[in-house]
Amino acid sequence: MHELITPLIRSLGIKHPGILHLFGTFPAGSDALLLKIIEILADKQKLPTSIVQLIKNVAAERDLDSRLYALIMPDCHKVSRGLLSVSLR
């Protein structure tokens, strides 16, 4: 499956409306797939602030895979970090 998803995600690109919608609404349990999409799109670069914000919005509503918190922590304010650390316990 990973071989099939990579060309599709790369062809859509990080600014595609469907991809942006996915970042803001990904269903519970799909964290691993979202991480793979991030890996493909970011290609070892920093994620755009708009995508980080979408993931932060989802994190405010439910617990996420700890690897997603690692991606958004640098862009969180001090107060937000305290709230996120509670979720990691």
Foldseek 3Di string as FASTA:
>chain_A
DLVVVLVVLVVCAPPRPVNLVCLQDPDPPCQVVNVSSCCSRQVPHQDDPSSLVSNLNVVVVDAGDVVNCVNNVVVDDPVSVVVVVVSVD
